[in-house]
N, C-alpha and C. Protein backbone atom coordinates (compact mmCIF):
# COMPACT_ATOMS: atom_id res chain seq x y z
N MET A 1 0.82 -1.20 0.00
CA MET A 1 0.00 0.00 0.00
C MET A 1 0.86 1.26 0.00
N GLY A 2 1.92 1.26 0.78
CA GLY A 2 2.80 2.42 0.89
C GLY A 2 3.53 2.71 -0.40
N LYS A 3 3.92 1.64 -1.15
CA LYS A 3 4.65 1.84 -2.40
C LYS A 3 3.73 2.44 -3.48
N LYS A 4 2.45 1.97 -3.52
CA LYS A 4 1.48 2.52 -4.48
C LYS A 4 1.24 4.00 -4.21
N LEU A 5 1.16 4.38 -2.94
CA LEU A 5 0.94 5.77 -2.57
C LEU A 5 2.12 6.62 -3.02
N VAL A 6 3.35 6.12 -2.85
CA VAL A 6 4.54 6.87 -3.25
C VAL A 6 4.57 7.03 -4.77
N MET A 7 4.23 5.96 -5.52
CA MET A 7 4.22 6.03 -6.98
C MET A 7 3.17 7.03 -7.47
N ALA A 8 1.98 7.00 -6.88
CA ALA A 8 0.92 7.93 -7.27
C ALA A 8 1.34 9.36 -6.94
N GLN A 9 2.00 9.51 -5.81
CA GLN A 9 2.46 10.84 -5.41
C GLN A 9 3.51 11.35 -6.38
N LYS A 10 4.42 10.51 -6.82
CA LYS A 10 5.45 10.92 -7.77
C LYS A 10 4.84 11.30 -9.12
N ARG A 11 3.83 10.50 -9.59
CA ARG A 11 3.19 10.83 -10.85
C ARG A 11 2.48 12.18 -10.76
N GLY A 12 1.80 12.41 -9.66
CA GLY A 12 1.11 13.69 -9.47
C GLY A 12 2.08 14.85 -9.40
N GLU A 13 3.21 14.62 -8.72
CA GLU A 13 4.23 15.67 -8.64
C GLU A 13 4.83 15.95 -10.01
N THR A 14 5.06 14.90 -10.78
CA THR A 14 5.62 15.08 -12.12
C THR A 14 4.66 15.86 -13.01
N ARG A 15 3.39 15.51 -12.93
CA ARG A 15 2.39 16.24 -13.73
C ARG A 15 2.29 17.70 -13.31
N ALA A 16 2.29 17.94 -12.02
CA ALA A 16 2.21 19.32 -11.52
C ALA A 16 3.45 20.11 -11.92
N LEU A 17 4.62 19.46 -11.85
CA LEU A 17 5.86 20.11 -12.26
C LEU A 17 5.84 20.44 -13.75
N CYS A 18 5.33 19.51 -14.57
CA CYS A 18 5.22 19.76 -16.02
C CYS A 18 4.23 20.91 -16.29
N LEU A 19 3.13 20.94 -15.53
CA LEU A 19 2.16 22.04 -15.69
C LEU A 19 2.82 23.38 -15.36
N GLY A 20 3.56 23.44 -14.26
CA GLY A 20 4.23 24.68 -13.87
C GLY A 20 5.25 25.13 -14.89
N VAL A 21 6.04 24.18 -15.40
CA VAL A 21 7.06 24.52 -16.41
C VAL A 21 6.39 24.98 -17.71
N ALA A 22 5.29 24.32 -18.09
CA ALA A 22 4.56 24.72 -19.30
C ALA A 22 3.98 26.13 -19.14
N MET A 23 3.46 26.43 -17.97
CA MET A 23 2.91 27.78 -17.73
C MET A 23 4.01 28.83 -17.81
N VAL A 24 5.16 28.55 -17.23
CA VAL A 24 6.28 29.49 -17.28
C VAL A 24 6.74 29.67 -18.73
N ALA A 25 6.83 28.57 -19.48
CA ALA A 25 7.25 28.65 -20.88
C ALA A 25 6.26 29.47 -21.71
N CYS A 26 4.96 29.24 -21.50
CA CYS A 26 3.94 30.03 -22.22
C CYS A 26 4.03 31.51 -21.87
N ALA A 27 4.28 31.81 -20.61
CA ALA A 27 4.42 33.20 -20.19
C ALA A 27 5.63 33.85 -20.86
N VAL A 28 6.74 33.13 -20.94
CA VAL A 28 7.96 33.68 -21.56
C VAL A 28 7.70 33.93 -23.05
N ILE A 29 7.04 33.00 -23.73
CA ILE A 29 6.71 33.18 -25.15
C ILE A 29 5.79 34.38 -25.33
N THR A 30 4.81 34.52 -24.47
CA THR A 30 3.88 35.65 -24.56
C THR A 30 4.60 36.97 -24.31
N TYR A 31 5.51 36.99 -23.33
CA TYR A 31 6.30 38.20 -23.10
C TYR A 31 7.12 38.56 -24.34
N TYR A 32 7.69 37.56 -25.00
CA TYR A 32 8.47 37.82 -26.20
C TYR A 32 7.58 38.41 -27.31
N ILE A 33 6.41 37.82 -27.52
CA ILE A 33 5.50 38.32 -28.55
C ILE A 33 5.06 39.75 -28.24
N LEU A 34 4.69 40.01 -26.99
CA LEU A 34 4.29 41.37 -26.62
C LEU A 34 5.46 42.35 -26.74
N GLY A 35 6.66 41.88 -26.40
CA GLY A 35 7.83 42.73 -26.49
C GLY A 35 8.20 43.12 -27.91
N THR A 36 7.82 42.27 -28.86
CA THR A 36 8.14 42.58 -30.26
C THR A 36 7.00 43.24 -31.01
N THR A 37 5.78 43.21 -30.47
CA THR A 37 4.64 43.82 -31.17
C THR A 37 4.10 45.05 -30.47
N VAL A 38 3.71 44.92 -29.22
CA VAL A 38 3.04 46.01 -28.51
C VAL A 38 4.02 47.03 -27.95
N LEU A 39 5.11 46.58 -27.39
CA LEU A 39 6.07 47.49 -26.76
C LEU A 39 6.65 48.52 -27.73
N PRO A 40 7.03 48.15 -28.96
CA PRO A 40 7.51 49.18 -29.89
C PRO A 40 6.45 50.22 -30.24
N LEU A 41 5.18 49.80 -30.32
CA LEU A 41 4.11 50.76 -30.59
C LEU A 41 3.93 51.72 -29.42
N TYR A 42 4.07 51.20 -28.21
CA TYR A 42 3.98 52.04 -27.01
C TYR A 42 5.14 53.04 -26.98
N GLN A 43 6.33 52.58 -27.29
CA GLN A 43 7.50 53.46 -27.27
C GLN A 43 7.47 54.47 -28.42
N LYS A 44 6.87 54.11 -29.54
CA LYS A 44 6.81 55.00 -30.69
C LYS A 44 5.77 56.11 -30.51
N SER A 45 4.80 55.90 -29.65
CA SER A 45 3.73 56.88 -29.43
C SER A 45 4.30 58.13 -28.76
N VAL A 46 4.21 59.26 -29.46
CA VAL A 46 4.76 60.50 -28.94
C VAL A 46 3.70 61.35 -28.22
N TRP A 47 2.45 60.94 -28.30
CA TRP A 47 1.36 61.70 -27.71
C TRP A 47 1.19 61.29 -26.25
N THR A 48 2.02 61.84 -25.39
CA THR A 48 2.02 61.44 -23.99
C THR A 48 1.46 62.51 -23.06
N GLN A 49 1.39 63.73 -23.52
CA GLN A 49 0.96 64.83 -22.66
C GLN A 49 -0.56 64.98 -22.75
N GLU A 50 -1.25 64.80 -21.62
CA GLU A 50 -2.69 64.96 -21.61
C GLU A 50 -3.01 66.45 -21.46
N SER A 51 -3.92 66.93 -22.30
CA SER A 51 -4.27 68.35 -22.26
C SER A 51 -5.75 68.51 -22.60
N MET A 52 -6.20 69.74 -22.58
CA MET A 52 -7.58 70.06 -22.93
C MET A 52 -7.62 70.63 -24.34
N CYS A 53 -8.54 70.11 -25.15
CA CYS A 53 -8.71 70.59 -26.52
C CYS A 53 -10.01 71.39 -26.62
N HIS A 54 -9.93 72.50 -27.33
CA HIS A 54 -11.11 73.32 -27.59
C HIS A 54 -11.44 73.21 -29.08
N LEU A 55 -12.68 72.86 -29.37
CA LEU A 55 -13.09 72.65 -30.75
C LEU A 55 -13.10 73.97 -31.52
N ILE A 56 -12.48 73.99 -32.68
CA ILE A 56 -12.50 75.16 -33.56
C ILE A 56 -13.50 74.93 -34.68
N GLU A 57 -13.34 73.84 -35.43
CA GLU A 57 -14.27 73.55 -36.51
C GLU A 57 -14.26 72.06 -36.84
N THR A 58 -15.38 71.60 -37.41
CA THR A 58 -15.48 70.24 -37.93
C THR A 58 -15.96 70.32 -39.37
N ASN A 59 -15.55 69.36 -40.15
CA ASN A 59 -15.90 69.35 -41.57
C ASN A 59 -16.03 67.91 -42.02
N ILE A 60 -17.11 67.57 -42.72
CA ILE A 60 -17.28 66.22 -43.26
C ILE A 60 -16.86 66.25 -44.72
N ARG A 61 -15.90 65.39 -45.04
CA ARG A 61 -15.43 65.28 -46.42
C ARG A 61 -15.99 63.99 -47.00
N ASP A 62 -16.47 64.08 -48.24
CA ASP A 62 -17.19 62.94 -48.80
C ASP A 62 -16.33 61.96 -49.57
N GLN A 63 -15.25 62.36 -50.16
CA GLN A 63 -14.47 61.41 -50.94
C GLN A 63 -13.00 61.66 -50.66
N GLU A 64 -12.35 60.62 -50.20
CA GLU A 64 -10.94 60.75 -49.85
C GLU A 64 -10.17 59.57 -50.41
N GLU A 65 -8.87 59.64 -50.34
CA GLU A 65 -8.02 58.52 -50.73
C GLU A 65 -7.61 57.79 -49.46
N LEU A 66 -7.72 56.49 -49.51
CA LEU A 66 -7.31 55.66 -48.40
C LEU A 66 -6.16 54.78 -48.86
N GLU A 67 -5.00 54.92 -48.21
CA GLU A 67 -3.79 54.18 -48.55
C GLU A 67 -3.42 54.37 -50.02
N GLY A 68 -3.56 55.58 -50.53
CA GLY A 68 -3.15 55.91 -51.88
C GLY A 68 -4.12 55.50 -52.96
N LYS A 69 -5.23 54.85 -52.60
CA LYS A 69 -6.21 54.41 -53.59
C LYS A 69 -7.49 55.22 -53.42
N LYS A 70 -8.08 55.61 -54.51
CA LYS A 70 -9.33 56.35 -54.47
C LYS A 70 -10.44 55.40 -54.06
N VAL A 71 -11.13 55.70 -52.99
CA VAL A 71 -12.22 54.87 -52.51
C VAL A 71 -13.52 55.54 -52.91
N ALA A 72 -14.44 54.78 -53.41
CA ALA A 72 -15.70 55.35 -53.90
C ALA A 72 -16.53 55.88 -52.74
N GLN A 73 -16.61 57.16 -52.66
CA GLN A 73 -17.51 57.85 -51.74
C GLN A 73 -17.54 57.28 -50.32
N TYR A 74 -16.59 57.64 -49.52
CA TYR A 74 -16.74 57.36 -48.10
C TYR A 74 -16.51 58.66 -47.35
N PRO A 75 -17.39 58.94 -46.40
CA PRO A 75 -17.25 60.19 -45.66
C PRO A 75 -16.21 60.06 -44.55
N CYS A 76 -15.52 61.15 -44.28
CA CYS A 76 -14.63 61.17 -43.14
C CYS A 76 -14.74 62.54 -42.47
N LEU A 77 -14.38 62.58 -41.22
CA LEU A 77 -14.53 63.79 -40.43
C LEU A 77 -13.17 64.46 -40.25
N TRP A 78 -13.13 65.76 -40.44
CA TRP A 78 -11.94 66.58 -40.25
C TRP A 78 -12.21 67.50 -39.07
N VAL A 79 -11.37 67.47 -38.04
CA VAL A 79 -11.60 68.25 -36.82
C VAL A 79 -10.36 69.09 -36.53
N ASN A 80 -10.56 70.38 -36.39
CA ASN A 80 -9.50 71.30 -35.96
C ASN A 80 -9.76 71.71 -34.53
N VAL A 81 -8.71 71.70 -33.72
CA VAL A 81 -8.84 72.05 -32.31
C VAL A 81 -7.73 73.00 -31.92
N SER A 82 -7.91 73.59 -30.76
CA SER A 82 -6.86 74.39 -30.14
C SER A 82 -6.40 73.62 -28.91
N ALA A 83 -5.13 73.24 -28.92
CA ALA A 83 -4.59 72.46 -27.80
C ALA A 83 -3.22 73.00 -27.44
N VAL A 84 -2.95 73.11 -26.17
CA VAL A 84 -1.67 73.58 -25.63
C VAL A 84 -1.28 74.91 -26.28
N GLY A 85 -2.24 75.78 -26.46
CA GLY A 85 -1.97 77.12 -26.97
C GLY A 85 -1.68 77.21 -28.45
N ARG A 86 -1.98 76.17 -29.23
CA ARG A 86 -1.73 76.23 -30.67
C ARG A 86 -2.82 75.46 -31.42
N TRP A 87 -2.93 75.76 -32.70
CA TRP A 87 -3.88 75.09 -33.57
C TRP A 87 -3.37 73.69 -33.90
N ALA A 88 -4.27 72.69 -33.95
CA ALA A 88 -3.85 71.32 -34.25
C ALA A 88 -5.00 70.57 -34.92
N VAL A 89 -4.63 69.49 -35.57
CA VAL A 89 -5.60 68.58 -36.17
C VAL A 89 -5.82 67.43 -35.20
N LEU A 90 -7.08 67.12 -34.93
CA LEU A 90 -7.40 66.04 -34.01
C LEU A 90 -7.56 64.74 -34.79
N TYR A 91 -6.92 63.69 -34.32
CA TYR A 91 -7.08 62.35 -34.89
C TYR A 91 -7.68 61.45 -33.82
N HIS A 92 -8.52 60.53 -34.23
CA HIS A 92 -9.18 59.64 -33.28
C HIS A 92 -8.17 58.79 -32.52
N THR A 93 -7.29 58.07 -33.24
CA THR A 93 -6.25 57.25 -32.63
C THR A 93 -4.96 57.36 -33.45
N GLU A 94 -3.93 56.69 -32.99
CA GLU A 94 -2.68 56.65 -33.75
C GLU A 94 -2.89 56.00 -35.12
N ASP A 95 -3.74 54.97 -35.16
CA ASP A 95 -3.99 54.26 -36.41
C ASP A 95 -4.73 55.13 -37.42
N THR A 96 -5.61 56.00 -36.96
CA THR A 96 -6.33 56.89 -37.87
C THR A 96 -5.35 57.80 -38.60
N ARG A 97 -4.39 58.30 -37.87
CA ARG A 97 -3.38 59.17 -38.48
C ARG A 97 -2.54 58.41 -39.50
N ASP A 98 -2.23 57.16 -39.21
CA ASP A 98 -1.44 56.35 -40.13
C ASP A 98 -2.24 55.95 -41.37
N GLN A 99 -3.55 55.72 -41.22
CA GLN A 99 -4.38 55.31 -42.35
C GLN A 99 -4.57 56.44 -43.36
N ASN A 100 -4.95 57.61 -42.86
CA ASN A 100 -5.24 58.73 -43.76
C ASN A 100 -5.06 60.03 -42.99
N GLN A 101 -4.08 60.81 -43.34
CA GLN A 101 -3.81 62.05 -42.61
C GLN A 101 -4.80 63.15 -42.95
N GLN A 102 -5.66 62.92 -43.93
CA GLN A 102 -6.66 63.91 -44.29
C GLN A 102 -7.95 63.74 -43.49
N CYS A 103 -8.05 62.71 -42.68
CA CYS A 103 -9.27 62.43 -41.92
C CYS A 103 -8.97 62.33 -40.43
N SER A 104 -9.79 63.00 -39.63
CA SER A 104 -9.66 62.90 -38.18
C SER A 104 -10.34 61.64 -37.68
N TYR A 105 -11.43 61.26 -38.33
CA TYR A 105 -12.19 60.07 -37.94
C TYR A 105 -12.65 59.35 -39.20
N ILE A 106 -12.34 58.08 -39.31
CA ILE A 106 -12.77 57.26 -40.44
C ILE A 106 -13.81 56.28 -39.91
N PRO A 107 -14.99 56.22 -40.53
CA PRO A 107 -16.01 55.28 -40.03
C PRO A 107 -15.58 53.83 -40.21
N ARG A 108 -16.16 52.95 -39.41
CA ARG A 108 -15.78 51.54 -39.46
C ARG A 108 -16.24 50.87 -40.75
N SER A 109 -17.48 51.12 -41.14
CA SER A 109 -18.05 50.47 -42.32
C SER A 109 -17.92 51.41 -43.51
N LEU A 110 -16.96 51.15 -44.38
CA LEU A 110 -16.75 51.99 -45.55
C LEU A 110 -17.59 51.53 -46.74
N SER A 111 -18.10 50.31 -46.69
CA SER A 111 -18.83 49.78 -47.84
C SER A 111 -20.26 50.32 -47.94
N ASN A 112 -20.87 50.63 -46.83
CA ASN A 112 -22.25 51.13 -46.82
C ASN A 112 -22.23 52.64 -46.56
N TYR A 113 -22.42 53.43 -47.61
CA TYR A 113 -22.27 54.88 -47.50
C TYR A 113 -23.26 55.51 -46.50
N PRO A 114 -24.58 55.20 -46.55
CA PRO A 114 -25.50 55.85 -45.59
C PRO A 114 -25.14 55.56 -44.13
N THR A 115 -24.73 54.33 -43.84
CA THR A 115 -24.34 53.98 -42.47
C THR A 115 -23.07 54.73 -42.06
N ALA A 116 -22.12 54.80 -42.97
CA ALA A 116 -20.87 55.50 -42.68
C ALA A 116 -21.14 56.99 -42.47
N ARG A 117 -21.99 57.57 -43.29
CA ARG A 117 -22.32 59.00 -43.17
C ARG A 117 -23.01 59.27 -41.83
N ALA A 118 -23.94 58.39 -41.43
CA ALA A 118 -24.63 58.56 -40.15
C ALA A 118 -23.65 58.44 -38.99
N ASP A 119 -22.70 57.54 -39.10
CA ASP A 119 -21.68 57.37 -38.06
C ASP A 119 -20.82 58.62 -37.93
N VAL A 120 -20.41 59.19 -39.05
CA VAL A 120 -19.58 60.40 -39.04
C VAL A 120 -20.37 61.58 -38.48
N GLU A 121 -21.64 61.71 -38.86
CA GLU A 121 -22.47 62.80 -38.34
C GLU A 121 -22.70 62.67 -36.84
N LYS A 122 -22.85 61.44 -36.37
CA LYS A 122 -23.03 61.20 -34.93
C LYS A 122 -21.78 61.64 -34.16
N VAL A 123 -20.61 61.31 -34.68
CA VAL A 123 -19.36 61.70 -34.02
C VAL A 123 -19.19 63.22 -34.06
N ARG A 124 -19.52 63.85 -35.20
CA ARG A 124 -19.42 65.30 -35.31
C ARG A 124 -20.36 65.99 -34.32
N ASP A 125 -21.59 65.49 -34.20
CA ASP A 125 -22.54 66.07 -33.24
C ASP A 125 -22.05 65.92 -31.81
N ARG A 126 -21.39 64.81 -31.52
CA ARG A 126 -20.84 64.60 -30.18
C ARG A 126 -19.74 65.62 -29.87
N PHE A 127 -18.90 65.92 -30.86
CA PHE A 127 -17.87 66.94 -30.67
C PHE A 127 -18.49 68.31 -30.45
N HIS A 128 -19.57 68.62 -31.19
CA HIS A 128 -20.23 69.92 -31.02
C HIS A 128 -20.89 70.04 -29.66
N GLU A 129 -21.33 68.92 -29.09
CA GLU A 129 -21.91 68.95 -27.75
C GLU A 129 -20.83 69.22 -26.70
N LEU A 130 -19.69 68.58 -26.85
CA LEU A 130 -18.63 68.70 -25.86
C LEU A 130 -17.90 70.04 -25.93
N ARG A 131 -17.47 70.43 -27.11
CA ARG A 131 -16.70 71.65 -27.38
C ARG A 131 -15.33 71.65 -26.70
N VAL A 132 -15.23 71.21 -25.43
CA VAL A 132 -13.96 71.13 -24.71
C VAL A 132 -13.83 69.70 -24.19
N PHE A 133 -12.71 69.04 -24.47
CA PHE A 133 -12.54 67.63 -24.10
C PHE A 133 -11.07 67.33 -23.89
N HIS A 134 -10.80 66.21 -23.26
CA HIS A 134 -9.41 65.77 -23.04
C HIS A 134 -8.84 65.22 -24.34
N CYS A 135 -7.57 65.49 -24.55
CA CYS A 135 -6.87 64.94 -25.71
C CYS A 135 -5.41 64.73 -25.34
N PHE A 136 -4.67 64.08 -26.23
CA PHE A 136 -3.27 63.79 -25.98
C PHE A 136 -2.43 64.50 -27.03
N SER A 137 -1.47 65.28 -26.57
CA SER A 137 -0.61 66.02 -27.50
C SER A 137 0.83 65.55 -27.33
N ALA A 138 1.61 65.84 -28.35
CA ALA A 138 3.03 65.49 -28.31
C ALA A 138 3.79 66.56 -27.54
N THR A 139 4.92 66.17 -26.99
CA THR A 139 5.74 67.12 -26.24
C THR A 139 6.60 67.97 -27.16
N ARG A 140 6.71 67.56 -28.44
CA ARG A 140 7.49 68.35 -29.40
C ARG A 140 6.73 69.63 -29.76
N ALA A 141 7.45 70.70 -29.91
CA ALA A 141 6.82 72.00 -30.19
C ALA A 141 6.28 72.10 -31.60
N ASN A 142 6.86 71.40 -32.56
CA ASN A 142 6.44 71.54 -33.95
C ASN A 142 5.34 70.55 -34.35
N GLU A 143 4.84 69.73 -33.44
CA GLU A 143 3.79 68.75 -33.76
C GLU A 143 2.44 69.46 -33.88
N THR A 144 1.77 69.25 -34.98
CA THR A 144 0.47 69.93 -35.23
C THR A 144 -0.69 68.95 -35.20
N SER A 145 -0.53 67.82 -34.53
CA SER A 145 -1.63 66.88 -34.42
C SER A 145 -1.77 66.41 -32.98
N VAL A 146 -3.00 66.14 -32.60
CA VAL A 146 -3.30 65.62 -31.26
C VAL A 146 -4.22 64.41 -31.42
N LEU A 147 -4.29 63.59 -30.39
CA LEU A 147 -5.11 62.39 -30.41
C LEU A 147 -6.26 62.51 -29.43
N TYR A 148 -7.40 61.99 -29.83
CA TYR A 148 -8.54 61.93 -28.92
C TYR A 148 -8.40 60.76 -27.95
N GLN A 149 -7.85 59.65 -28.46
CA GLN A 149 -7.72 58.45 -27.66
C GLN A 149 -6.42 57.74 -28.02
N ARG A 150 -5.65 57.34 -27.02
CA ARG A 150 -4.41 56.61 -27.26
C ARG A 150 -4.70 55.11 -27.27
N LEU A 151 -4.27 54.43 -28.31
CA LEU A 151 -4.39 52.97 -28.36
C LEU A 151 -3.30 52.30 -27.57
N TYR A 152 -2.14 52.91 -27.51
CA TYR A 152 -0.97 52.27 -26.93
C TYR A 152 -0.49 53.05 -25.71
N GLY A 153 -1.40 53.31 -24.79
CA GLY A 153 -1.05 54.03 -23.57
C GLY A 153 -0.63 53.08 -22.46
N PRO A 154 -0.34 53.63 -21.29
CA PRO A 154 0.10 52.80 -20.16
C PRO A 154 -0.97 51.80 -19.71
N GLN A 155 -2.25 52.19 -19.76
CA GLN A 155 -3.31 51.27 -19.35
C GLN A 155 -3.38 50.06 -20.28
N ALA A 156 -3.24 50.30 -21.57
CA ALA A 156 -3.25 49.19 -22.53
C ALA A 156 -2.07 48.27 -22.31
N LEU A 157 -0.91 48.84 -22.02
CA LEU A 157 0.27 48.02 -21.77
C LEU A 157 0.08 47.15 -20.53
N LEU A 158 -0.49 47.72 -19.46
CA LEU A 158 -0.76 46.93 -18.26
C LEU A 158 -1.79 45.84 -18.54
N PHE A 159 -2.79 46.15 -19.36
CA PHE A 159 -3.80 45.17 -19.71
C PHE A 159 -3.18 44.00 -20.47
N TYR A 160 -2.29 44.29 -21.40
CA TYR A 160 -1.63 43.24 -22.18
C TYR A 160 -0.68 42.40 -21.32
N LEU A 161 -0.07 43.00 -20.32
CA LEU A 161 0.91 42.28 -19.51
C LEU A 161 0.30 41.54 -18.31
N PHE A 162 -0.99 41.75 -18.04
CA PHE A 162 -1.60 41.13 -16.86
C PHE A 162 -1.61 39.61 -16.95
N TRP A 163 -2.14 39.03 -18.04
CA TRP A 163 -2.27 37.58 -18.13
C TRP A 163 -0.93 36.86 -18.20
N PRO A 164 0.04 37.33 -18.95
CA PRO A 164 1.34 36.64 -18.89
C PRO A 164 1.97 36.68 -17.50
N THR A 165 1.80 37.80 -16.81
CA THR A 165 2.34 37.90 -15.45
C THR A 165 1.63 36.94 -14.51
N PHE A 166 0.31 36.85 -14.66
CA PHE A 166 -0.47 35.91 -13.85
C PHE A 166 -0.04 34.47 -14.14
N LEU A 167 0.15 34.15 -15.42
CA LEU A 167 0.59 32.81 -15.84
C LEU A 167 1.97 32.49 -15.29
N LEU A 168 2.90 33.43 -15.37
CA LEU A 168 4.25 33.23 -14.86
C LEU A 168 4.24 33.03 -13.34
N THR A 169 3.50 33.87 -12.64
CA THR A 169 3.44 33.77 -11.18
C THR A 169 2.81 32.46 -10.75
N SER A 170 1.73 32.06 -11.41
CA SER A 170 1.07 30.80 -11.06
C SER A 170 1.98 29.61 -11.35
N GLY A 171 2.66 29.61 -12.48
CA GLY A 171 3.57 28.53 -12.82
C GLY A 171 4.70 28.41 -11.81
N LEU A 172 5.30 29.54 -11.45
CA LEU A 172 6.38 29.51 -10.45
C LEU A 172 5.87 29.06 -9.09
N LEU A 173 4.64 29.44 -8.75
CA LEU A 173 4.05 29.03 -7.48
C LEU A 173 3.81 27.52 -7.46
N ILE A 174 3.33 26.96 -8.57
CA ILE A 174 3.12 25.50 -8.65
C ILE A 174 4.45 24.77 -8.52
N ILE A 175 5.47 25.25 -9.22
CA ILE A 175 6.80 24.62 -9.13
C ILE A 175 7.32 24.69 -7.70
N ALA A 176 7.18 25.84 -7.05
CA ALA A 176 7.65 26.00 -5.67
C ALA A 176 6.89 25.07 -4.72
N MET A 177 5.57 24.95 -4.91
CA MET A 177 4.80 24.06 -4.03
C MET A 177 5.20 22.60 -4.21
N VAL A 178 5.46 22.17 -5.43
CA VAL A 178 5.91 20.80 -5.67
C VAL A 178 7.26 20.56 -5.01
N LYS A 179 8.18 21.51 -5.17
CA LYS A 179 9.52 21.34 -4.57
C LYS A 179 9.44 21.33 -3.04
N VAL A 180 8.60 22.17 -2.46
CA VAL A 180 8.43 22.18 -1.00
C VAL A 180 7.82 20.84 -0.56
N ASN A 181 6.83 20.35 -1.31
CA ASN A 181 6.21 19.07 -0.98
C ASN A 181 7.23 17.93 -1.05
N GLN A 182 8.08 17.94 -2.08
CA GLN A 182 9.13 16.92 -2.19
C GLN A 182 10.12 17.00 -1.03
N SER A 183 10.49 18.22 -0.65
CA SER A 183 11.42 18.40 0.48
C SER A 183 10.82 17.90 1.78
N LEU A 184 9.55 18.22 1.99
CA LEU A 184 8.88 17.77 3.23
C LEU A 184 8.72 16.27 3.25
N SER A 185 8.45 15.65 2.13
CA SER A 185 8.29 14.18 2.12
C SER A 185 9.63 13.49 2.35
N ILE A 186 10.74 14.08 1.85
CA ILE A 186 12.08 13.53 2.11
C ILE A 186 12.41 13.65 3.59
N LEU A 187 12.08 14.81 4.20
CA LEU A 187 12.33 14.99 5.64
C LEU A 187 11.50 14.02 6.47
N ALA A 188 10.25 13.80 6.05
CA ALA A 188 9.39 12.89 6.79
C ALA A 188 9.88 11.43 6.66
N ALA A 189 10.42 11.09 5.48
CA ALA A 189 10.92 9.73 5.27
C ALA A 189 12.20 9.47 6.06
N GLN A 190 12.98 10.50 6.31
CA GLN A 190 14.23 10.32 7.06
C GLN A 190 13.99 10.10 8.53
N LYS A 191 12.87 10.54 9.06
CA LYS A 191 12.59 10.39 10.50
C LYS A 191 12.18 9.03 10.82
């Protein structure tokens, strides 16, 4: 009976140890992936200074070029604001600026014109209601663009790093508990 219990205990310990090592390995791989994808975007983001933007004007443009190609009739919103004592163009996110520098807001559905137009008008009306809102500006003096929302801010970075950290901590805790259990069983067997 005692030998069967020891064998079952060893199998369980081996499985738990493999689970802990697998969790640590998955966490390390996830950290590597995040370090090569999300971290450079976070470091590249220059819009770190939070400030107040005052709306100057909004304009809906009906036909623009997206990625150098003429797209058949899609509306986009152009917003001018006053931020940090200077005139600037407001962009929804970092990606909006990269997609098309002529648009402050690009609707999600470009294929359905009436839906896209309604979406742009809804956003424009929301800006007219607010008039003064929080935005993110660059610390450089010659930057003439500001962001309404940062995609790659500190909160997003913490959100991305939470699960790998939890996985790493849990894996190390499982490994530590197995090793402590093995040490205690060796001490008990010696007595």
